Protein backbone atom coordinates (compact mmCIF):
# COMPACT_ATOMS: atom_id res chain seq x y z
CA MET A 1 10.15 -11.66 -20.12
CA HIS A 2 8.08 -9.46 -17.80
CA TRP A 3 7.78 -11.63 -14.73
CA THR A 4 6.01 -10.52 -11.66
CA GLY A 5 6.49 -11.86 -8.21
CA THR A 6 7.41 -10.43 -4.86
CA ALA A 7 8.35 -6.77 -5.14
CA ILE A 8 11.75 -5.62 -3.98
CA SER A 9 10.74 -2.29 -2.49
CA PHE A 10 13.47 0.00 -3.77
CA THR A 11 12.42 3.61 -3.24
CA GLY A 12 15.45 5.60 -4.28
CA ASP A 13 19.13 5.46 -5.02
CA ASP A 14 21.96 3.27 -3.70
CA GLN A 15 19.95 0.81 -1.63
CA ASN A 16 20.77 -2.77 -0.62
CA LEU A 17 17.75 -4.74 0.59
CA GLY A 18 17.11 -8.24 1.87
CA PRO A 19 17.69 -10.96 2.69
CA PHE A 20 15.14 -12.58 0.38
CA PRO A 21 14.61 -16.35 0.01
CA ILE A 22 16.11 -18.11 -2.99
CA GLY A 23 13.69 -21.04 -2.69
CA PHE A 24 16.42 -23.71 -2.71
CA SER A 25 20.06 -24.19 -1.67
CA PHE A 26 22.23 -22.40 -4.24
CA PRO A 27 25.91 -23.42 -4.60
CA PHE A 28 28.27 -20.52 -5.34
CA TYR A 29 32.08 -20.77 -5.27
CA GLY A 30 32.05 -23.66 -2.80
CA THR A 31 29.47 -22.24 -0.39
CA THR A 32 25.74 -22.87 -0.33
CA PHE A 33 23.27 -20.00 0.13
CA THR A 34 19.50 -19.88 0.72
CA THR A 35 19.01 -16.09 0.64
CA PHE A 36 20.17 -13.13 -1.43
CA ARG A 37 20.33 -9.35 -1.10
CA ALA A 38 19.56 -7.01 -4.00
CA CYS A 39 21.13 -3.65 -4.77
CA THR A 40 19.56 -0.85 -6.80
CA ASN A 41 22.75 -0.73 -8.86
CA GLY A 42 22.06 -3.94 -10.80
CA TRP A 43 23.71 -6.60 -8.67
CA ILE A 44 22.87 -9.16 -6.02
CA SER A 45 24.99 -10.64 -3.26
CA PHE A 46 24.50 -13.65 -1.05
CA THR A 47 26.18 -12.00 1.94
CA ASN A 48 26.85 -8.28 1.48
CA MET A 49 24.63 -6.21 3.76
CA ALA A 50 26.41 -2.87 3.85
CA SER A 51 27.41 -1.96 0.32
CA ALA A 52 25.33 -0.28 -2.34
CA ALA A 53 28.39 0.19 -4.57
CA TYR A 54 27.61 1.97 -7.82
CA THR A 55 31.15 2.39 -9.16
CA ASN A 56 31.58 -0.78 -11.18
CA LEU A 57 34.93 -2.59 -11.29
CA ASN A 58 36.66 -5.31 -13.26
CA LEU A 59 36.22 -8.62 -11.40
CA PRO A 60 37.56 -10.13 -9.27
CA SER A 61 38.29 -7.18 -7.03
CA ALA A 62 38.93 -7.05 -3.29
CA THR A 63 37.03 -3.74 -3.14
CA ALA A 64 33.89 -5.01 -4.91
CA PRO A 65 30.98 -6.50 -2.92
CA GLU A 66 31.61 -10.09 -1.85
CA ASN A 67 29.71 -13.07 -3.24
CA LEU A 68 28.62 -10.80 -6.08
CA VAL A 69 26.40 -11.60 -9.06
CA ALA A 70 26.50 -8.52 -11.28
CA ALA A 71 23.97 -8.59 -14.11
CA TRP A 72 24.30 -4.86 -14.90
CA TRP A 73 26.46 -3.16 -12.28
CA ASP A 74 26.13 0.55 -12.95
CA ASP A 75 24.79 3.65 -11.21
CA LEU A 76 21.09 2.83 -11.53
CA THR A 77 18.36 4.54 -9.53
CA PHE A 78 14.77 3.85 -8.56
CA SER A 79 14.18 7.49 -7.56
CA VAL A 80 12.00 8.29 -10.58
CA SER A 81 10.84 4.94 -11.98
CA GLY A 82 11.70 1.27 -12.23
CA ASP A 83 10.60 -1.92 -10.52
CA ALA A 84 12.29 -5.02 -9.17
CA PHE A 85 10.81 -8.43 -8.40
CA TYR A 86 11.89 -11.93 -7.47
CA HIS A 87 10.03 -15.17 -8.09
CA TYR A 88 10.83 -18.85 -7.53
CA ASP A 89 8.90 -20.72 -10.24
CA GLY A 90 9.67 -24.23 -8.99
CA THR A 91 12.76 -24.67 -11.18
CA ARG A 92 14.74 -21.43 -10.76
CA LEU A 93 14.83 -18.09 -8.99
CA ILE A 94 14.18 -15.12 -11.28
CA ILE A 95 15.19 -11.63 -10.20
CA GLU A 96 14.01 -8.89 -12.53
CA TYR A 97 15.00 -5.25 -12.81
CA LYS A 98 12.38 -3.57 -15.02
CA ASP A 99 12.68 -0.17 -16.73
CA VAL A 100 15.33 1.08 -14.29
CA PRO A 101 16.92 4.43 -15.21
CA CYS A 102 20.63 5.10 -15.21
CA ARG A 103 21.49 7.91 -12.80
CA GLU A 104 24.09 9.62 -15.02
CA ALA A 105 22.59 9.13 -18.50
CA ALA A 106 19.32 8.80 -20.37
CA GLY A 107 17.64 5.45 -20.89
CA THR A 108 16.44 2.49 -18.89
CA ALA A 109 17.45 -1.14 -18.39
CA THR A 110 15.27 -4.25 -18.20
CA PHE A 111 17.12 -7.46 -17.34
CA GLN A 112 16.91 -10.60 -15.22
CA VAL A 113 19.15 -12.91 -13.20
CA HIS A 114 18.19 -16.59 -13.20
CA LEU A 115 19.63 -18.86 -10.49
CA TYR A 116 19.25 -22.66 -10.76
CA PRO A 117 19.72 -25.33 -8.05
CA SER A 118 22.67 -26.73 -10.04
CA GLY A 119 24.58 -23.44 -9.56
CA ARG A 120 23.92 -22.26 -13.10
CA ILE A 121 23.55 -18.50 -13.46
CA GLU A 122 21.98 -16.80 -16.46
CA TYR A 123 21.63 -13.12 -17.29
CA HIS A 124 18.78 -12.12 -19.63
CA TYR A 125 18.63 -8.67 -21.23
CA GLN A 126 15.38 -7.54 -22.78
CA LYS A 127 15.50 -3.82 -23.48
CA MET A 128 18.63 -1.83 -22.75
CA THR A 129 18.39 1.84 -23.76
CA VAL A 130 21.03 2.94 -21.22
CA PRO A 131 24.58 3.56 -22.49
CA LEU A 132 26.03 0.08 -23.00
CA ASN A 133 29.67 0.99 -22.35
CA SER A 134 29.64 1.77 -18.63
CA ALA A 135 28.74 -1.33 -16.62
CA THR A 136 30.22 -4.56 -15.31
CA VAL A 137 28.70 -7.97 -15.96
CA GLY A 138 30.24 -10.82 -14.02
CA MET A 139 30.58 -12.46 -10.61
CA GLN A 140 33.04 -13.07 -7.81
CA ASP A 141 33.48 -15.12 -4.66
CA GLY A 142 33.49 -14.00 -1.04
CA THR A 143 37.22 -13.26 -0.96
CA GLY A 144 37.26 -11.00 -4.00
CA THR A 145 40.11 -13.06 -5.45
CA VAL A 146 38.23 -15.49 -7.72
CA GLY A 147 35.73 -14.30 -10.27
CA LEU A 148 34.73 -13.74 -13.84
CA THR A 149 34.18 -10.59 -15.85
CA VAL A 150 32.00 -10.98 -18.92
CA VAL A 151 32.33 -7.31 -19.82
CA HIS A 152 33.60 -4.18 -18.08
CA ASN A 153 32.86 -0.72 -19.49
CA ALA A 154 32.65 -1.91 -23.10
CA PRO A 155 29.71 -2.14 -25.55
CA TYR A 156 29.00 -5.88 -25.55
CA LEU A 157 25.37 -6.31 -24.46
CA HIS A 158 22.30 -5.81 -26.63
CA ASP A 159 18.56 -6.36 -26.48
CA ALA A 160 17.38 -9.99 -26.44
CA LEU A 161 20.74 -11.34 -25.22
CA ALA A 162 21.20 -14.14 -22.70
CA ILE A 163 24.49 -15.06 -21.02
CA ARG A 164 25.05 -18.34 -19.17
C-alpha cells in the first residue's frame, strides 16, 4: 500500500494545502471537481481553503468543512514525522497519509483515499496504531446538510480494512 507520488508538503500542524489536480473530473454530490485540498488532520475537501479543522464532528454538520471527504478526521500532526502524497495512476487518484502521528495520543496512522472517475470513494487503512475511538470517517456536501458518517468517535476501524 505504500504509494509514492507528488509530495504534499505538510510541515507542521493544522495546515490546509492545495489545490492539487485530481487528474479527471470527479463528481461529488451533484458537482464536478478537478482539484482537491488536503488537510493535515486526515481529510480532503474540493473547495475548503480556510479550514484546518481538527475537532471531528458527526456528519453532516454545517460547522464541518464543506465538500468534505474524511478518511481519518482527527487531530493529526506532521510536526515530528509523517508524509503525504497524491498520485493519479491512470484509473484513480490515490491520496496517502503515511505514518502520521496523532497530536494528543501515541501512535501513527497510515491510510489512503481513492477517488475514481465514476464518483466512487474508497478509504484504505493499512496500519493504525493511533487510538481508534476518536475520529470521524465519512463525507458531506457543500451545504453541510447532506452527508454520511461511517463512524464517529467509536472503535470501528482496524488494520487492513477498506471502506467503499
